[in-house]
Amino acid sequence: MSKITPAKTAPAKTTRATQALDRAGIAYSLHAYAYDPAAPRIGLQAAEALGVRPDHVLKTLMAEVDGRPVCVLVASDREVALKRLAAAHGGKSAAMLRPAEAERITGYHVGGISPLGQKRRLPVLIDAGSIAGRDAVYLNGGGRGLQVRLAPADLVALLEARVVPLA
C-alpha cells in the first residue's frame, strides 16, 4: 500500500468516494478548498485553490462511446481527444455526456463527480500522460470543494482502470 502524507488539516468529510477508499484500505488524504461554481475550468480552479500544479489534479469527465457511458480521468490542464477516447474504448465515436445525464448515472452533482463510489460501476479510462511519473494525484472526493490525494497505482487498481493515451 502506498504511503501518502496526510494534509496539515484534514477535513472530516465522508462521501461515497471516501467510503470506497476506506473499504479498500487505500491510503489517502482529504483536501477541502473554496469551490467556485463560476470558474470556467473547475479542475484548474481546484489546483490553484489547493496550491498544487494543475497537472497533478485529475478532472473526472463523463462521456459516452457509441452510446455506452464511460468515466475518463485526465489532468486538469489537458483536454481529451474524443477520437482517441473512442478508439481506446473500442468504439467509433465519443461525446461528452450532458450534465444532467452525468449526474443521473453517477449520483454526484457536476463539480463534485468522483470516479469513486459512483451509483453504477462504469469502465474507467485514465490518460497515461496525466499520471506518468507522479507519486500522488488529486481527484474529486465526491463533493464540490473536496479533493482526495492518493497514489496513482492505488487509483488504477481500485477502479480497475485502463491507462491509455487520451490527451
C-alpha atoms as a PDB file:
ATOM      1  CA  MET A   1       0.000   0.000   0.000  1.00  0.00           C
ATOM      2  CA  SER A   2       1.284   3.459  -0.867  1.00  0.00           C
ATOM      3  CA  LYS A   3       2.015   5.929   1.874  1.00  0.00           C
ATOM      4  CA  ILE A   4       0.506   9.384   1.465  1.00  0.00           C
ATOM      5  CA  THR A   5       1.385  12.236   3.770  1.00  0.00           C
ATOM      6  CA  PRO A   6      -1.838  13.487   5.362  1.00  0.00           C
ATOM      7  CA  ALA A   7      -2.970  17.072   4.898  1.00  0.00           C
ATOM      8  CA  LYS A   8      -1.987  19.516   7.622  1.00  0.00           C
ATOM      9  CA  THR A   9      -5.630  19.983   8.494  1.00  0.00           C
ATOM     10  CA  ALA A  10      -7.631  17.139   7.036  1.00  0.00           C
ATOM     11  CA  PRO A  11     -11.342  17.951   6.926  1.00  0.00           C
ATOM     12  CA  ALA A  12     -13.689  15.404   8.439  1.00  0.00           C
ATOM     13  CA  LYS A  13     -15.877  14.514   5.467  1.00  0.00           C
ATOM     14  CA  THR A  14     -17.409  11.205   4.482  1.00  0.00           C
ATOM     15  CA  THR A  15     -18.643  10.648   0.943  1.00  0.00           C
ATOM     16  CA  ARG A  16     -19.279   7.551  -1.157  1.00  0.00           C
ATOM     17  CA  ALA A  17     -15.814   8.145  -2.642  1.00  0.00           C
ATOM     18  CA  THR A  18     -14.053   8.185   0.739  1.00  0.00           C
ATOM     19  CA  GLN A  19     -16.065   5.163   1.854  1.00  0.00           C
ATOM     20  CA  ALA A  20     -14.849   3.254  -1.223  1.00  0.00           C
ATOM     21  CA  LEU A  21     -11.257   4.179  -0.380  1.00  0.00           C
ATOM     22  CA  ASP A  22     -11.725   3.168   3.262  1.00  0.00           C
ATOM     23  CA  ARG A  23     -13.278  -0.194   2.307  1.00  0.00           C
ATOM     24  CA  ALA A  24     -10.341  -0.893   0.006  1.00  0.00           C
ATOM     25  CA  GLY A  25      -7.803   0.077   2.681  1.00  0.00           C
ATOM     26  CA  ILE A  26      -6.182   2.665   0.424  1.00  0.00           C
ATOM     27  CA  ALA A  27      -4.109   5.468   1.956  1.00  0.00           C
ATOM     28  CA  TYR A  28      -5.374   8.926   1.027  1.00  0.00           C
ATOM     29  CA  SER A  29      -5.728  12.402   2.400  1.00  0.00           C
ATOM     30  CA  LEU A  30      -8.609  14.852   2.114  1.00  0.00           C
ATOM     31  CA  HIS A  31      -8.203  18.445   0.952  1.00  0.00           C
ATOM     32  CA  ALA A  32     -11.022  20.972   1.122  1.00  0.00           C
ATOM     33  CA  TYR A  33     -10.988  24.221  -0.835  1.00  0.00           C
ATOM     34  CA  ALA A  34     -13.352  27.080  -1.627  1.00  0.00           C
ATOM     35  CA  TYR A  35     -15.270  25.771  -4.652  1.00  0.00           C
ATOM     36  CA  ASP A  36     -16.139  28.430  -7.229  1.00  0.00           C
ATOM     37  CA  PRO A  37     -19.149  27.355  -9.320  1.00  0.00           C
ATOM     38  CA  ALA A  38     -18.457  30.234 -11.726  1.00  0.00           C
ATOM     39  CA  ALA A  39     -14.925  29.058 -12.511  1.00  0.00           C
ATOM     40  CA  PRO A  40     -14.530  28.402 -16.245  1.00  0.00           C
ATOM     41  CA  ARG A  41     -12.443  25.271 -15.551  1.00  0.00           C
ATOM     42  CA  ILE A  42     -13.170  23.617 -12.220  1.00  0.00           C
ATOM     43  CA  GLY A  43     -10.048  21.435 -12.180  1.00  0.00           C
ATOM     44  CA  LEU A  44      -7.764  24.402 -12.713  1.00  0.00           C
ATOM     45  CA  GLN A  45      -9.594  26.339 -10.004  1.00  0.00           C
ATOM     46  CA  ALA A  46      -9.149  23.395  -7.612  1.00  0.00           C
ATOM     47  CA  ALA A  47      -5.409  23.235  -8.343  1.00  0.00           C
ATOM     48  CA  GLU A  48      -4.988  26.948  -7.758  1.00  0.00           C
ATOM     49  CA  ALA A  49      -7.035  26.886  -4.541  1.00  0.00           C
ATOM     50  CA  LEU A  50      -5.011  23.919  -3.228  1.00  0.00           C
ATOM     51  CA  GLY A  51      -1.688  25.431  -4.288  1.00  0.00           C
ATOM     52  CA  VAL A  52      -0.700  22.438  -6.418  1.00  0.00           C
ATOM     53  CA  ARG A  53       0.317  22.094 -10.049  1.00  0.00           C
ATOM     54  CA  PRO A  54      -2.645  21.687 -12.437  1.00  0.00           C
ATOM     55  CA  ASP A  55      -1.112  18.554 -13.946  1.00  0.00           C
ATOM     56  CA  HIS A  56      -1.395  16.854 -10.529  1.00  0.00           C
ATOM     57  CA  VAL A  57      -5.173  17.395 -10.298  1.00  0.00           C
ATOM     58  CA  LEU A  58      -7.258  14.945 -12.312  1.00  0.00           C
ATOM     59  CA  LYS A  59     -10.645  16.005 -13.586  1.00  0.00           C
ATOM     60  CA  THR A  60     -13.425  13.452 -13.865  1.00  0.00           C
ATOM     61  CA  LEU A  61     -15.232  13.572 -17.186  1.00  0.00           C
ATOM     62  CA  MET A  62     -18.296  11.561 -18.081  1.00  0.00           C
ATOM     63  CA  ALA A  63     -18.511  10.578 -21.712  1.00  0.00           C
ATOM     64  CA  GLU A  64     -20.125   8.023 -23.947  1.00  0.00           C
ATOM     65  CA  VAL A  65     -18.571   5.877 -26.625  1.00  0.00           C
ATOM     66  CA  ASP A  66     -21.057   4.572 -29.172  1.00  0.00           C
ATOM     67  CA  GLY A  67     -23.814   5.301 -26.648  1.00  0.00           C
ATOM     68  CA  ARG A  68     -22.111   3.462 -23.750  1.00  0.00           C
ATOM     69  CA  PRO A  69     -21.158   5.616 -20.723  1.00  0.00           C
ATOM     70  CA  VAL A  70     -17.537   5.732 -19.623  1.00  0.00           C
ATOM     71  CA  CYS A  71     -15.656   7.629 -16.919  1.00  0.00           C
ATOM     72  CA  VAL A  72     -12.491   9.441 -18.014  1.00  0.00           C
ATOM     73  CA  LEU A  73      -9.726  10.917 -15.861  1.00  0.00           C
ATOM     74  CA  VAL A  74      -7.312  13.454 -17.282  1.00  0.00           C
ATOM     75  CA  ALA A  75      -5.073  16.146 -15.777  1.00  0.00           C
ATOM     76  CA  SER A  76      -6.924  19.409 -15.270  1.00  0.00           C
ATOM     77  CA  ASP A  77      -4.668  21.231 -17.729  1.00  0.00           C
ATOM     78  CA  ARG A  78      -5.226  18.713 -20.549  1.00  0.00           C
ATOM     79  CA  GLU A  79      -8.082  18.005 -22.954  1.00  0.00           C
ATOM     80  CA  VAL A  80      -9.386  14.601 -24.028  1.00  0.00           C
ATOM     81  CA  ALA A  81      -9.156  13.833 -27.736  1.00  0.00           C
ATOM     82  CA  LEU A  82     -12.564  12.286 -28.455  1.00  0.00           C
ATOM     83  CA  LYS A  83     -11.234  10.211 -31.362  1.00  0.00           C
ATOM     84  CA  ARG A  84      -8.582   8.715 -29.083  1.00  0.00           C
ATOM     85  CA  LEU A  85     -11.210   8.045 -26.420  1.00  0.00           C
ATOM     86  CA  ALA A  86     -13.458   6.256 -28.915  1.00  0.00           C
ATOM     87  CA  ALA A  87     -10.581   4.136 -30.226  1.00  0.00           C
ATOM     88  CA  ALA A  88      -9.326   3.308 -26.713  1.00  0.00           C
ATOM     89  CA  HIS A  89     -12.787   2.109 -25.720  1.00  0.00           C
ATOM     90  CA  GLY A  90     -13.285   0.094 -28.917  1.00  0.00           C
ATOM     91  CA  GLY A  91     -15.791   2.433 -30.498  1.00  0.00           C
ATOM     92  CA  LYS A  92     -16.264   4.706 -33.463  1.00  0.00           C
ATOM     93  CA  SER A  93     -17.436   7.933 -31.827  1.00  0.00           C
ATOM     94  CA  ALA A  94     -17.277   9.604 -28.442  1.00  0.00           C
ATOM     95  CA  ALA A  95     -19.049  12.572 -26.911  1.00  0.00           C
ATOM     96  CA  MET A  96     -19.280  14.187 -23.507  1.00  0.00           C
ATOM     97  CA  LEU A  97     -22.427  13.397 -21.531  1.00  0.00           C
ATOM     98  CA  ARG A  98     -24.867  16.199 -20.790  1.00  0.00           C
ATOM     99  CA  PRO A  99     -24.544  17.351 -17.154  1.00  0.00           C
ATOM    100  CA  ALA A 100     -27.985  16.018 -16.169  1.00  0.00           C
ATOM    101  CA  GLU A 101     -27.139  12.599 -17.615  1.00  0.00           C
ATOM    102  CA  ALA A 102     -23.746  12.544 -15.855  1.00  0.00           C
ATOM    103  CA  GLU A 103     -25.461  13.348 -12.553  1.00  0.00           C
ATOM    104  CA  ARG A 104     -28.118  10.674 -13.069  1.00  0.00           C
ATOM    105  CA  ILE A 105     -25.562   7.965 -13.870  1.00  0.00           C
ATOM    106  CA  THR A 106     -23.021   8.820 -11.156  1.00  0.00           C
ATOM    107  CA  GLY A 107     -25.246  10.024  -8.329  1.00  0.00           C
ATOM    108  CA  TYR A 108     -22.982  13.041  -7.898  1.00  0.00           C
ATOM    109  CA  HIS A 109     -23.532  16.703  -8.791  1.00  0.00           C
ATOM    110  CA  VAL A 110     -21.454  18.277 -11.562  1.00  0.00           C
ATOM    111  CA  GLY A 111     -18.422  19.870  -9.926  1.00  0.00           C
ATOM    112  CA  GLY A 112     -18.396  17.054  -7.385  1.00  0.00           C
ATOM    113  CA  ILE A 113     -18.279  13.959  -9.608  1.00  0.00           C
ATOM    114  CA  SER A 114     -15.758  11.424  -8.402  1.00  0.00           C
ATOM    115  CA  PRO A 115     -14.780   8.252 -10.246  1.00  0.00           C
ATOM    116  CA  LEU A 116     -15.009   6.531  -6.846  1.00  0.00           C
ATOM    117  CA  GLY A 117     -18.312   5.416  -5.349  1.00  0.00           C
ATOM    118  CA  GLN A 118     -20.490   6.105  -8.366  1.00  0.00           C
ATOM    119  CA  LYS A 119     -24.035   4.690  -8.327  1.00  0.00           C
ATOM    120  CA  ARG A 120     -23.214   2.445 -11.244  1.00  0.00           C
ATOM    121  CA  ARG A 121     -19.814   0.925 -11.898  1.00  0.00           C
ATOM    122  CA  LEU A 122     -18.581   2.096 -15.284  1.00  0.00           C
ATOM    123  CA  PRO A 123     -15.445   1.428 -17.283  1.00  0.00           C
ATOM    124  CA  VAL A 124     -12.740   3.946 -16.358  1.00  0.00           C
ATOM    125  CA  LEU A 125     -10.019   5.205 -18.664  1.00  0.00           C
ATOM    126  CA  ILE A 126      -7.135   7.283 -17.312  1.00  0.00           C
ATOM    127  CA  ASP A 127      -4.918   9.359 -19.566  1.00  0.00           C
ATOM    128  CA  ALA A 128      -1.438   7.823 -19.376  1.00  0.00           C
ATOM    129  CA  GLY A 129       0.318  11.190 -19.619  1.00  0.00           C
ATOM    130  CA  SER A 130      -1.701  12.522 -16.689  1.00  0.00           C
ATOM    131  CA  ILE A 131      -0.345  10.035 -14.148  1.00  0.00           C
ATOM    132  CA  ALA A 132       3.067   9.081 -15.543  1.00  0.00           C
ATOM    133  CA  GLY A 133       5.852   9.766 -13.058  1.00  0.00           C
ATOM    134  CA  ARG A 134       3.524  11.011 -10.306  1.00  0.00           C
ATOM    135  CA  ASP A 135       3.864   9.870  -6.700  1.00  0.00           C
ATOM    136  CA  ALA A 136       0.390  11.219  -5.962  1.00  0.00           C
ATOM    137  CA  VAL A 137      -2.547  12.816  -7.731  1.00  0.00           C
ATOM    138  CA  TYR A 138      -5.598  14.733  -6.579  1.00  0.00           C
ATOM    139  CA  LEU A 139      -9.117  13.973  -7.748  1.00  0.00           C
ATOM    140  CA  ASN A 140     -12.636  14.811  -6.710  1.00  0.00           C
ATOM    141  CA  GLY A 141     -13.559  13.290  -3.383  1.00  0.00           C
ATOM    142  CA  GLY A 142     -17.283  13.146  -4.028  1.00  0.00           C
ATOM    143  CA  GLY A 143     -18.294  16.712  -3.264  1.00  0.00           C
ATOM    144  CA  ARG A 144     -17.794  20.212  -4.562  1.00  0.00           C
ATOM    145  CA  GLY A 145     -14.693  21.659  -2.935  1.00  0.00           C
ATOM    146  CA  LEU A 146     -13.306  18.312  -1.792  1.00  0.00           C
ATOM    147  CA  GLN A 147     -10.289  16.549  -3.287  1.00  0.00           C
ATOM    148  CA  VAL A 148      -8.572  13.320  -2.285  1.00  0.00           C
ATOM    149  CA  ARG A 149      -4.844  12.784  -2.729  1.00  0.00           C
ATOM    150  CA  LEU A 150      -3.626   9.256  -3.388  1.00  0.00           C
ATOM    151  CA  ALA A 151      -1.101   7.199  -5.291  1.00  0.00           C
ATOM    152  CA  PRO A 152      -1.944   6.696  -8.983  1.00  0.00           C
ATOM    153  CA  ALA A 153      -1.245   2.941  -8.731  1.00  0.00           C
ATOM    154  CA  ASP A 154      -3.860   2.634  -5.979  1.00  0.00           C
ATOM    155  CA  LEU A 155      -6.365   4.596  -8.055  1.00  0.00           C
ATOM    156  CA  VAL A 156      -5.810   2.400 -11.110  1.00  0.00           C
ATOM    157  CA  ALA A 157      -6.124  -0.798  -9.078  1.00  0.00           C
ATOM    158  CA  LEU A 158      -9.268   0.249  -7.202  1.00  0.00           C
ATOM    159  CA  LEU A 159     -11.076   1.424 -10.333  1.00  0.00           C
ATOM    160  CA  GLU A 160      -9.716  -1.430 -12.461  1.00  0.00           C
ATOM    161  CA  ALA A 161      -8.949   1.395 -14.873  1.00  0.00           C
ATOM    162  CA  ARG A 162      -7.246   1.174 -18.212  1.00  0.00           C
ATOM    163  CA  VAL A 163      -4.363   3.626 -18.608  1.00  0.00           C
ATOM    164  CA  VAL A 164      -4.169   4.815 -22.216  1.00  0.00           C
ATOM    165  CA  PRO A 165      -3.125   7.952 -24.121  1.00  0.00           C
ATOM    166  CA  LEU A 166      -6.220  10.171 -24.326  1.00  0.00           C
ATOM    167  CA  ALA A 167      -4.998  13.776 -24.410  1.00  0.00           C
END
